[in-house]
Amino acid sequence: MSRLVTIIVATIGTGLMMIFIIGLSHSISTGFAGFTGGLPFMIIAILVICMALYDFWAEAVRKDK
């Protein structure tokens, strides 16, 4: 795949994953668990999103391949 196609596909995939994880975290925190019950999942979700963004940058954007 060309570099531009890789960046576009990776952006779409990472964006969809982030929307899903953020929505899941929001629904857990505002639902029955409450903020304190949803806090551990929110911390894990933030770490997973950071790892996904780093992988996106390392695999699609960085030029020193």
N, C-alpha and C. Protein backbone atom coordinates (compact mmCIF):
# COMPACT_ATOMS: atom_id res chain seq x y z
N MET A 1 0.84 -1.18 0.00
CA MET A 1 0.00 0.00 0.00
C MET A 1 0.88 1.24 0.00
N SER A 2 0.39 2.28 -0.63
CA SER A 2 1.15 3.51 -0.61
C SER A 2 1.07 4.18 0.77
N ARG A 3 1.96 5.07 1.01
CA ARG A 3 2.03 5.73 2.33
C ARG A 3 0.76 6.52 2.62
N LEU A 4 0.22 7.22 1.63
CA LEU A 4 -0.99 8.02 1.82
C LEU A 4 -2.19 7.14 2.17
N VAL A 5 -2.34 6.03 1.46
CA VAL A 5 -3.44 5.11 1.74
C VAL A 5 -3.30 4.53 3.14
N THR A 6 -2.08 4.19 3.54
CA THR A 6 -1.83 3.66 4.87
C THR A 6 -2.23 4.67 5.94
N ILE A 7 -1.87 5.93 5.75
CA ILE A 7 -2.22 6.97 6.72
C ILE A 7 -3.73 7.17 6.79
N ILE A 8 -4.41 7.17 5.66
CA ILE A 8 -5.86 7.37 5.64
C ILE A 8 -6.57 6.21 6.34
N VAL A 9 -6.20 4.99 5.99
CA VAL A 9 -6.85 3.81 6.59
C VAL A 9 -6.55 3.74 8.09
N ALA A 10 -5.32 4.02 8.47
CA ALA A 10 -4.96 3.99 9.89
C ALA A 10 -5.69 5.08 10.68
N THR A 11 -5.88 6.24 10.07
CA THR A 11 -6.62 7.33 10.73
C THR A 11 -8.07 6.94 10.95
N ILE A 12 -8.69 6.35 9.95
CA ILE A 12 -10.09 5.92 10.08
C ILE A 12 -10.21 4.83 11.15
N GLY A 13 -9.35 3.85 11.10
CA GLY A 13 -9.40 2.75 12.06
C GLY A 13 -9.14 3.20 13.49
N THR A 14 -8.13 4.03 13.67
CA THR A 14 -7.82 4.53 15.01
C THR A 14 -8.94 5.43 15.52
N GLY A 15 -9.50 6.24 14.64
CA GLY A 15 -10.60 7.12 15.05
C GLY A 15 -11.83 6.33 15.48
N LEU A 16 -12.19 5.29 14.72
CA LEU A 16 -13.34 4.47 15.09
C LEU A 16 -13.10 3.74 16.42
N MET A 17 -11.89 3.25 16.61
CA MET A 17 -11.57 2.58 17.87
C MET A 17 -11.66 3.55 19.04
N MET A 18 -11.17 4.78 18.85
CA MET A 18 -11.22 5.78 19.91
C MET A 18 -12.66 6.17 20.24
N ILE A 19 -13.50 6.32 19.23
CA ILE A 19 -14.90 6.66 19.46
C ILE A 19 -15.59 5.56 20.26
N PHE A 20 -15.31 4.30 19.92
CA PHE A 20 -15.91 3.18 20.64
C PHE A 20 -15.46 3.15 22.09
N ILE A 21 -14.16 3.27 22.33
CA ILE A 21 -13.63 3.20 23.69
C ILE A 21 -14.11 4.37 24.54
N ILE A 22 -14.12 5.57 23.98
CA ILE A 22 -14.60 6.74 24.72
C ILE A 22 -16.09 6.62 25.03
N GLY A 23 -16.87 6.15 24.07
CA GLY A 23 -18.30 5.96 24.31
C GLY A 23 -18.56 4.90 25.37
N LEU A 24 -17.81 3.82 25.33
CA LEU A 24 -17.96 2.77 26.33
C LEU A 24 -17.59 3.30 27.72
N SER A 25 -16.51 4.04 27.81
CA SER A 25 -16.10 4.62 29.08
C SER A 25 -17.14 5.61 29.60
N HIS A 26 -17.70 6.40 28.71
CA HIS A 26 -18.73 7.37 29.11
C HIS A 26 -19.98 6.67 29.62
N SER A 27 -20.40 5.62 28.93
CA SER A 27 -21.62 4.92 29.34
C SER A 27 -21.42 4.19 30.67
N ILE A 28 -20.23 3.67 30.93
CA ILE A 28 -19.96 3.02 32.21
C ILE A 28 -19.95 4.05 33.33
N SER A 29 -19.32 5.20 33.09
CA SER A 29 -19.19 6.22 34.13
C SER A 29 -20.50 6.93 34.44
N THR A 30 -21.38 7.07 33.47
CA THR A 30 -22.65 7.75 33.72
C THR A 30 -23.77 6.79 34.07
N GLY A 31 -23.52 5.51 33.96
CA GLY A 31 -24.55 4.51 34.25
C GLY A 31 -24.54 4.10 35.71
N PHE A 32 -24.83 2.85 35.93
CA PHE A 32 -24.98 2.30 37.27
C PHE A 32 -23.69 2.38 38.08
N ALA A 33 -22.53 2.25 37.44
CA ALA A 33 -21.26 2.22 38.16
C ALA A 33 -20.90 3.58 38.74
N GLY A 34 -21.36 4.65 38.11
CA GLY A 34 -21.00 5.98 38.58
C GLY A 34 -19.56 6.32 38.23
N PHE A 35 -19.16 7.53 38.59
CA PHE A 35 -17.82 7.99 38.23
C PHE A 35 -16.75 7.17 38.92
N THR A 36 -16.90 6.92 40.22
CA THR A 36 -15.85 6.19 40.94
C THR A 36 -15.78 4.73 40.51
N GLY A 37 -16.91 4.15 40.14
CA GLY A 37 -16.88 2.78 39.65
C GLY A 37 -16.31 2.67 38.25
N GLY A 38 -16.50 3.72 37.44
CA GLY A 38 -15.99 3.71 36.08
C GLY A 38 -14.58 4.25 35.95
N LEU A 39 -14.03 4.78 37.03
CA LEU A 39 -12.70 5.38 36.98
C LEU A 39 -11.60 4.39 36.58
N PRO A 40 -11.56 3.16 37.13
CA PRO A 40 -10.51 2.23 36.68
C PRO A 40 -10.58 1.94 35.18
N PHE A 41 -11.80 1.76 34.65
CA PHE A 41 -11.92 1.52 33.22
C PHE A 41 -11.50 2.75 32.43
N MET A 42 -11.82 3.93 32.94
CA MET A 42 -11.44 5.17 32.25
C MET A 42 -9.92 5.30 32.17
N ILE A 43 -9.22 4.94 33.23
CA ILE A 43 -7.76 5.01 33.23
C ILE A 43 -7.19 4.01 32.23
N ILE A 44 -7.73 2.79 32.22
CA ILE A 44 -7.29 1.78 31.26
C ILE A 44 -7.59 2.23 29.83
N ALA A 45 -8.77 2.84 29.60
CA ALA A 45 -9.14 3.32 28.28
C ALA A 45 -8.19 4.40 27.79
N ILE A 46 -7.79 5.30 28.67
CA ILE A 46 -6.85 6.36 28.30
C ILE A 46 -5.50 5.75 27.91
N LEU A 47 -5.04 4.77 28.66
CA LEU A 47 -3.76 4.12 28.33
C LEU A 47 -3.84 3.39 26.99
N VAL A 48 -4.95 2.70 26.73
CA VAL A 48 -5.12 1.98 25.47
C VAL A 48 -5.15 2.95 24.29
N ILE A 49 -5.83 4.08 24.46
CA ILE A 49 -5.88 5.09 23.39
C ILE A 49 -4.49 5.67 23.14
N CYS A 50 -3.74 5.92 24.20
CA CYS A 50 -2.36 6.42 24.02
C CYS A 50 -1.50 5.41 23.27
N MET A 51 -1.64 4.13 23.61
CA MET A 51 -0.88 3.10 22.90
C MET A 51 -1.29 3.00 21.43
N ALA A 52 -2.58 3.14 21.16
CA ALA A 52 -3.06 3.08 19.77
C ALA A 52 -2.53 4.27 18.97
N LEU A 53 -2.52 5.45 19.59
CA LEU A 53 -2.00 6.63 18.89
C LEU A 53 -0.50 6.50 18.63
N TYR A 54 0.24 5.95 19.59
CA TYR A 54 1.67 5.74 19.37
C TYR A 54 1.91 4.74 18.24
N ASP A 55 1.12 3.65 18.21
CA ASP A 55 1.27 2.66 17.15
C ASP A 55 0.92 3.26 15.79
N PHE A 56 -0.13 4.09 15.75
CA PHE A 56 -0.48 4.79 14.51
C PHE A 56 0.69 5.64 14.03
N TRP A 57 1.28 6.39 14.95
CA TRP A 57 2.40 7.25 14.58
C TRP A 57 3.60 6.42 14.12
N ALA A 58 3.91 5.36 14.86
CA ALA A 58 5.10 4.56 14.55
C ALA A 58 4.94 3.77 13.24
N GLU A 59 3.76 3.30 12.95
CA GLU A 59 3.58 2.44 11.77
C GLU A 59 3.19 3.20 10.50
N ALA A 60 2.47 4.31 10.65
CA ALA A 60 1.93 4.97 9.45
C ALA A 60 2.59 6.31 9.15
N VAL A 61 2.93 7.05 10.16
CA VAL A 61 3.37 8.43 9.94
C VAL A 61 4.90 8.56 9.88
N ARG A 62 5.60 7.86 10.76
CA ARG A 62 7.06 8.01 10.85
C ARG A 62 7.71 7.61 9.53
N LYS A 63 8.70 8.37 9.11
CA LYS A 63 9.29 8.18 7.78
C LYS A 63 10.54 7.31 7.75
N ASP A 64 11.11 6.96 8.88
CA ASP A 64 12.39 6.25 8.88
C ASP A 64 12.23 4.73 8.80
N LYS A 65 11.46 4.27 7.84
CA LYS A 65 11.26 2.83 7.66
C LYS A 65 12.33 2.25 6.75
